[in-house]
Amino acid sequence: AMLIDSLSQGLGHEHDPAITKLRETITKFRKGLQNGLSFLQESYFFRDPSTFAGLPDGSAIYGILLHKAGVAIHDFAACTSADFEQLSDDPLTGFRIKNVVIKDLYLKSDEVLKLMHDGKPVLGPAGDVVQVLRLMDNDGKYKPTALSEAQRRLAELKQIAQKQGTSDDELFKMYGSTNIPLWLHEWMEGKLPFKDVASKQRNLSF
């Protein structure tokens, strides 16, 4: 979610309503963590107890992280030019850490089924899975979150850039791995159950 917000700012889309909503949701979630408040429904998906046992979702958590610009962490079009430089003259050395205690760091990593269409996964810009099965209500209709709406919006912006003739290399620099097929956008409009739009597709699997 934070990377999508950062990426959108790098692309000049920070004021898009879907991105603004995501940023507000992130802010409210942070304030809830800091102040021990109960979480509003709009940010509840970040640590839904039925999925994450009340812990934050994530693949890694650090007490201290020392990192220089370059592979393997960057924000696509939001990166600075330093991210692309060879850093042999800027080694990550010279740090001394003393009298530090790091404790009570917890998260709940989560394995998510991803939707595949024509051999390609349905993803957001950083390889983040569009969690289709968790975005359905009991009738199979789209149940949006601030994150899924931001993922959808970036996919729409990518499609606009494609129609304008943007090269594949530039598209990746701008939108990363974003891939939400047009037929899935139809489902994400919230009018039809997933099975109704998925039944028309071939080469579809989880």
Protein backbone atom coordinates (compact mmCIF):
# COMPACT_ATOMS: atom_id res chain seq x y z
CA ALA A 1 0.00 0.00 0.00
CA MET A 2 2.79 2.44 0.90
CA LEU A 3 4.70 1.63 -2.27
CA ILE A 4 1.60 2.30 -4.40
CA ASP A 5 1.22 5.66 -2.68
CA SER A 6 4.90 6.48 -3.29
CA LEU A 7 4.78 5.27 -6.88
CA SER A 8 1.71 7.36 -7.60
CA GLN A 9 3.46 10.47 -6.31
CA GLY A 10 6.41 9.73 -8.59
CA LEU A 11 4.02 9.54 -11.53
CA GLY A 12 2.10 12.69 -10.60
CA HIS A 13 -1.09 10.85 -9.65
CA GLU A 14 -0.97 11.63 -5.92
CA HIS A 15 -4.23 13.60 -6.09
CA ASP A 16 -6.19 10.86 -7.84
CA PRO A 17 -9.22 10.02 -5.61
CA ALA A 18 -8.31 6.32 -5.31
CA ILE A 19 -4.73 7.16 -4.29
CA THR A 20 -5.88 9.86 -1.87
CA LYS A 21 -8.25 7.35 -0.26
CA LEU A 22 -5.43 4.81 0.11
CA ARG A 23 -3.15 7.43 1.70
CA GLU A 24 -5.88 8.43 4.16
CA THR A 25 -6.46 4.79 5.06
CA ILE A 26 -2.73 4.23 5.68
CA THR A 27 -2.63 7.35 7.89
CA LYS A 28 -5.63 6.23 9.92
CA PHE A 29 -4.12 2.78 10.35
CA ARG A 30 -0.85 4.27 11.60
CA LYS A 31 -2.65 6.52 14.06
CA GLY A 32 -4.60 3.55 15.31
CA LEU A 33 -1.37 1.66 15.96
CA GLN A 34 0.28 4.60 17.69
CA ASN A 35 -2.67 5.47 19.91
CA GLY A 36 -4.05 2.01 20.59
CA LEU A 37 -7.34 2.89 18.94
CA SER A 38 -9.82 0.49 17.43
CA PHE A 39 -9.51 0.29 13.66
CA LEU A 40 -12.08 1.74 11.33
CA GLN A 41 -13.69 -0.60 8.85
CA GLU A 42 -11.88 1.05 5.93
CA SER A 43 -8.45 0.13 7.33
CA TYR A 44 -9.52 -3.12 8.95
CA PHE A 45 -8.18 -5.27 6.10
CA PHE A 46 -4.59 -4.39 7.10
CA ARG A 47 -4.91 -6.58 10.20
CA ASP A 48 -8.19 -8.45 9.97
CA PRO A 49 -8.15 -10.87 12.96
CA SER A 50 -9.73 -13.61 10.88
CA THR A 51 -6.67 -13.53 8.60
CA PHE A 52 -3.78 -12.01 10.53
CA ALA A 53 -4.66 -12.85 14.17
CA GLY A 54 -4.63 -9.12 14.93
CA LEU A 55 -1.04 -8.67 13.69
CA PRO A 56 0.14 -6.48 10.80
CA ASP A 57 0.42 -8.12 7.40
CA GLY A 58 3.87 -8.20 5.85
CA SER A 59 6.70 -10.35 4.55
CA ALA A 60 9.46 -8.85 6.69
CA ILE A 61 9.92 -6.66 9.74
CA TYR A 62 13.16 -5.03 10.86
CA GLY A 63 14.39 -3.45 14.04
CA ILE A 64 17.23 -1.84 12.10
CA LEU A 65 17.66 -1.91 8.33
CA LEU A 66 20.77 -0.45 6.69
CA HIS A 67 20.22 -0.16 2.97
CA LYS A 68 21.85 1.75 0.14
CA ALA A 69 20.16 2.82 -3.07
CA GLY A 70 20.09 0.22 -5.82
CA VAL A 71 18.85 -3.32 -6.33
CA ALA A 72 16.79 -4.89 -4.83
CA ILE A 73 14.54 -2.21 -3.36
CA HIS A 74 13.26 0.69 -5.42
CA ASP A 75 9.98 2.33 -6.32
CA PHE A 76 10.05 2.22 -10.13
CA ALA A 77 9.38 5.69 -11.54
CA ALA A 78 9.50 7.17 -8.05
CA CYS A 79 13.20 6.33 -7.62
CA THR A 80 15.92 8.90 -7.63
CA SER A 81 18.77 8.72 -10.12
CA ALA A 82 20.96 7.39 -7.31
CA ASP A 83 19.06 4.10 -7.47
CA PHE A 84 20.57 3.40 -10.88
CA GLU A 85 24.18 4.27 -10.11
CA GLN A 86 26.96 1.79 -9.51
CA LEU A 87 27.82 2.22 -5.84
CA SER A 88 31.35 0.81 -5.61
CA ASP A 89 32.47 4.25 -4.44
CA ASP A 90 29.73 4.35 -1.82
CA PRO A 91 30.12 1.19 0.24
CA LEU A 92 27.72 0.49 3.06
CA THR A 93 30.33 0.62 5.82
CA GLY A 94 31.29 2.72 8.80
CA PHE A 95 28.31 2.04 11.04
CA ARG A 96 28.67 1.23 14.73
CA ILE A 97 25.65 0.17 16.73
CA LYS A 98 25.91 -0.09 20.53
CA ASN A 99 23.58 -0.63 23.46
CA VAL A 100 20.54 -1.36 21.35
CA VAL A 101 17.75 -3.70 22.38
CA ILE A 102 15.21 -4.76 19.77
CA LYS A 103 12.23 -6.77 20.93
CA ASP A 104 8.52 -7.41 20.51
CA LEU A 105 8.49 -7.29 16.72
CA TYR A 106 5.68 -9.40 15.32
CA LEU A 107 3.90 -9.83 12.04
CA LYS A 108 1.78 -12.45 10.34
CA SER A 109 3.09 -13.44 6.95
CA ASP A 110 0.38 -14.63 4.63
CA GLU A 111 0.31 -16.93 1.62
CA VAL A 112 -2.27 -15.72 -0.90
CA LEU A 113 -3.79 -17.57 -3.84
CA LYS A 114 -3.21 -15.53 -6.97
CA LEU A 115 -5.36 -15.48 -10.04
CA MET A 116 -3.67 -16.50 -13.30
CA HIS A 117 -4.98 -15.53 -16.72
CA ASP A 118 -3.25 -16.66 -19.91
CA GLY A 119 -0.27 -17.68 -17.82
CA LYS A 120 0.13 -14.24 -16.23
CA PRO A 121 -0.61 -13.44 -12.57
CA VAL A 122 -3.02 -10.65 -11.64
CA LEU A 123 -0.82 -8.23 -9.73
CA GLY A 124 -0.24 -4.71 -8.53
CA PRO A 125 2.95 -2.73 -9.27
CA ALA A 126 5.33 -4.46 -6.84
CA GLY A 127 4.25 -8.05 -7.39
CA ASP A 128 1.49 -7.52 -4.83
CA VAL A 129 -1.28 -10.03 -5.46
CA VAL A 130 -4.74 -8.66 -6.22
CA GLN A 131 -6.51 -10.80 -3.61
CA VAL A 132 -9.56 -11.68 -5.68
CA LEU A 133 -10.90 -14.39 -3.36
CA ARG A 134 -10.83 -11.99 -0.40
CA LEU A 135 -12.47 -9.22 -2.39
CA MET A 136 -15.74 -11.11 -2.86
CA ASP A 137 -18.90 -10.84 -0.80
CA ASN A 138 -21.15 -13.85 -0.20
CA ASP A 139 -22.66 -13.42 -3.66
CA GLY A 140 -19.29 -13.31 -5.40
CA LYS A 141 -19.53 -9.60 -6.11
CA TYR A 142 -16.61 -7.22 -5.70
CA LYS A 143 -16.07 -5.96 -2.17
CA PRO A 144 -13.48 -3.18 -2.53
CA THR A 145 -10.77 -2.05 -0.16
CA ALA A 146 -8.70 1.11 -0.43
CA LEU A 147 -5.78 -1.06 -1.56
CA SER A 148 -7.65 -2.94 -4.29
CA GLU A 149 -9.13 0.30 -5.61
CA ALA A 150 -5.65 1.82 -5.85
CA GLN A 151 -4.39 -1.30 -7.64
CA ARG A 152 -7.30 -1.03 -10.05
CA ARG A 153 -6.65 2.66 -10.67
CA LEU A 154 -2.98 2.09 -11.52
CA ALA A 155 -4.06 -0.63 -13.96
CA GLU A 156 -6.42 1.85 -15.61
CA LEU A 157 -3.65 4.44 -15.87
CA LYS A 158 -1.34 1.81 -17.38
CA GLN A 159 -3.95 0.98 -20.01
CA ILE A 160 -4.25 4.66 -20.89
CA ALA A 161 -0.46 4.89 -21.27
CA GLN A 162 -0.48 1.78 -23.49
CA LYS A 163 -3.06 3.36 -25.78
CA GLN A 164 -0.85 6.44 -26.01
CA GLY A 165 1.98 4.28 -27.37
CA THR A 166 4.20 4.04 -24.28
CA SER A 167 6.83 1.32 -24.76
CA ASP A 168 6.86 -1.84 -22.65
CA ASP A 169 10.11 -0.80 -20.98
CA GLU A 170 8.68 2.56 -19.99
CA LEU A 171 5.45 0.96 -18.81
CA PHE A 172 7.42 -1.27 -16.45
CA LYS A 173 9.42 1.67 -15.11
CA MET A 174 6.15 3.50 -14.48
CA TYR A 175 3.78 0.74 -13.34
CA GLY A 176 5.97 -2.23 -12.44
CA SER A 177 4.23 -5.59 -12.61
CA THR A 178 0.70 -4.13 -12.68
CA ASN A 179 -1.60 -6.55 -14.54
CA ILE A 180 -5.37 -6.49 -14.11
CA PRO A 181 -7.13 -7.75 -17.26
CA LEU A 182 -9.99 -5.76 -18.74
CA TRP A 183 -12.54 -8.47 -17.96
CA LEU A 184 -11.60 -8.31 -14.27
CA HIS A 185 -12.23 -4.56 -14.33
CA GLU A 186 -15.79 -5.45 -15.33
CA TRP A 187 -16.12 -7.53 -12.15
CA MET A 188 -14.51 -4.74 -10.09
CA GLU A 189 -17.31 -2.42 -11.13
CA GLY A 190 -19.38 -4.41 -8.62
CA LYS A 191 -22.35 -5.28 -10.80
CA LEU A 192 -21.76 -8.96 -11.56
CA PRO A 193 -20.65 -12.00 -9.53
CA PHE A 194 -17.14 -13.23 -10.25
CA LYS A 195 -18.36 -16.50 -11.74
CA ASP A 196 -20.39 -14.63 -14.37
CA VAL A 197 -17.39 -12.75 -15.75
CA ALA A 198 -14.87 -15.56 -15.17
CA SER A 199 -16.99 -18.15 -17.02
CA LYS A 200 -16.37 -16.27 -20.29
CA GLN A 201 -12.58 -16.55 -19.95
CA ARG A 202 -10.16 -19.29 -20.98
CA ASN A 203 -6.86 -20.24 -19.38
CA LEU A 204 -8.00 -19.08 -15.96
CA SER A 205 -6.77 -20.61 -12.71
CA PHE A 206 -5.79 -19.94 -9.11
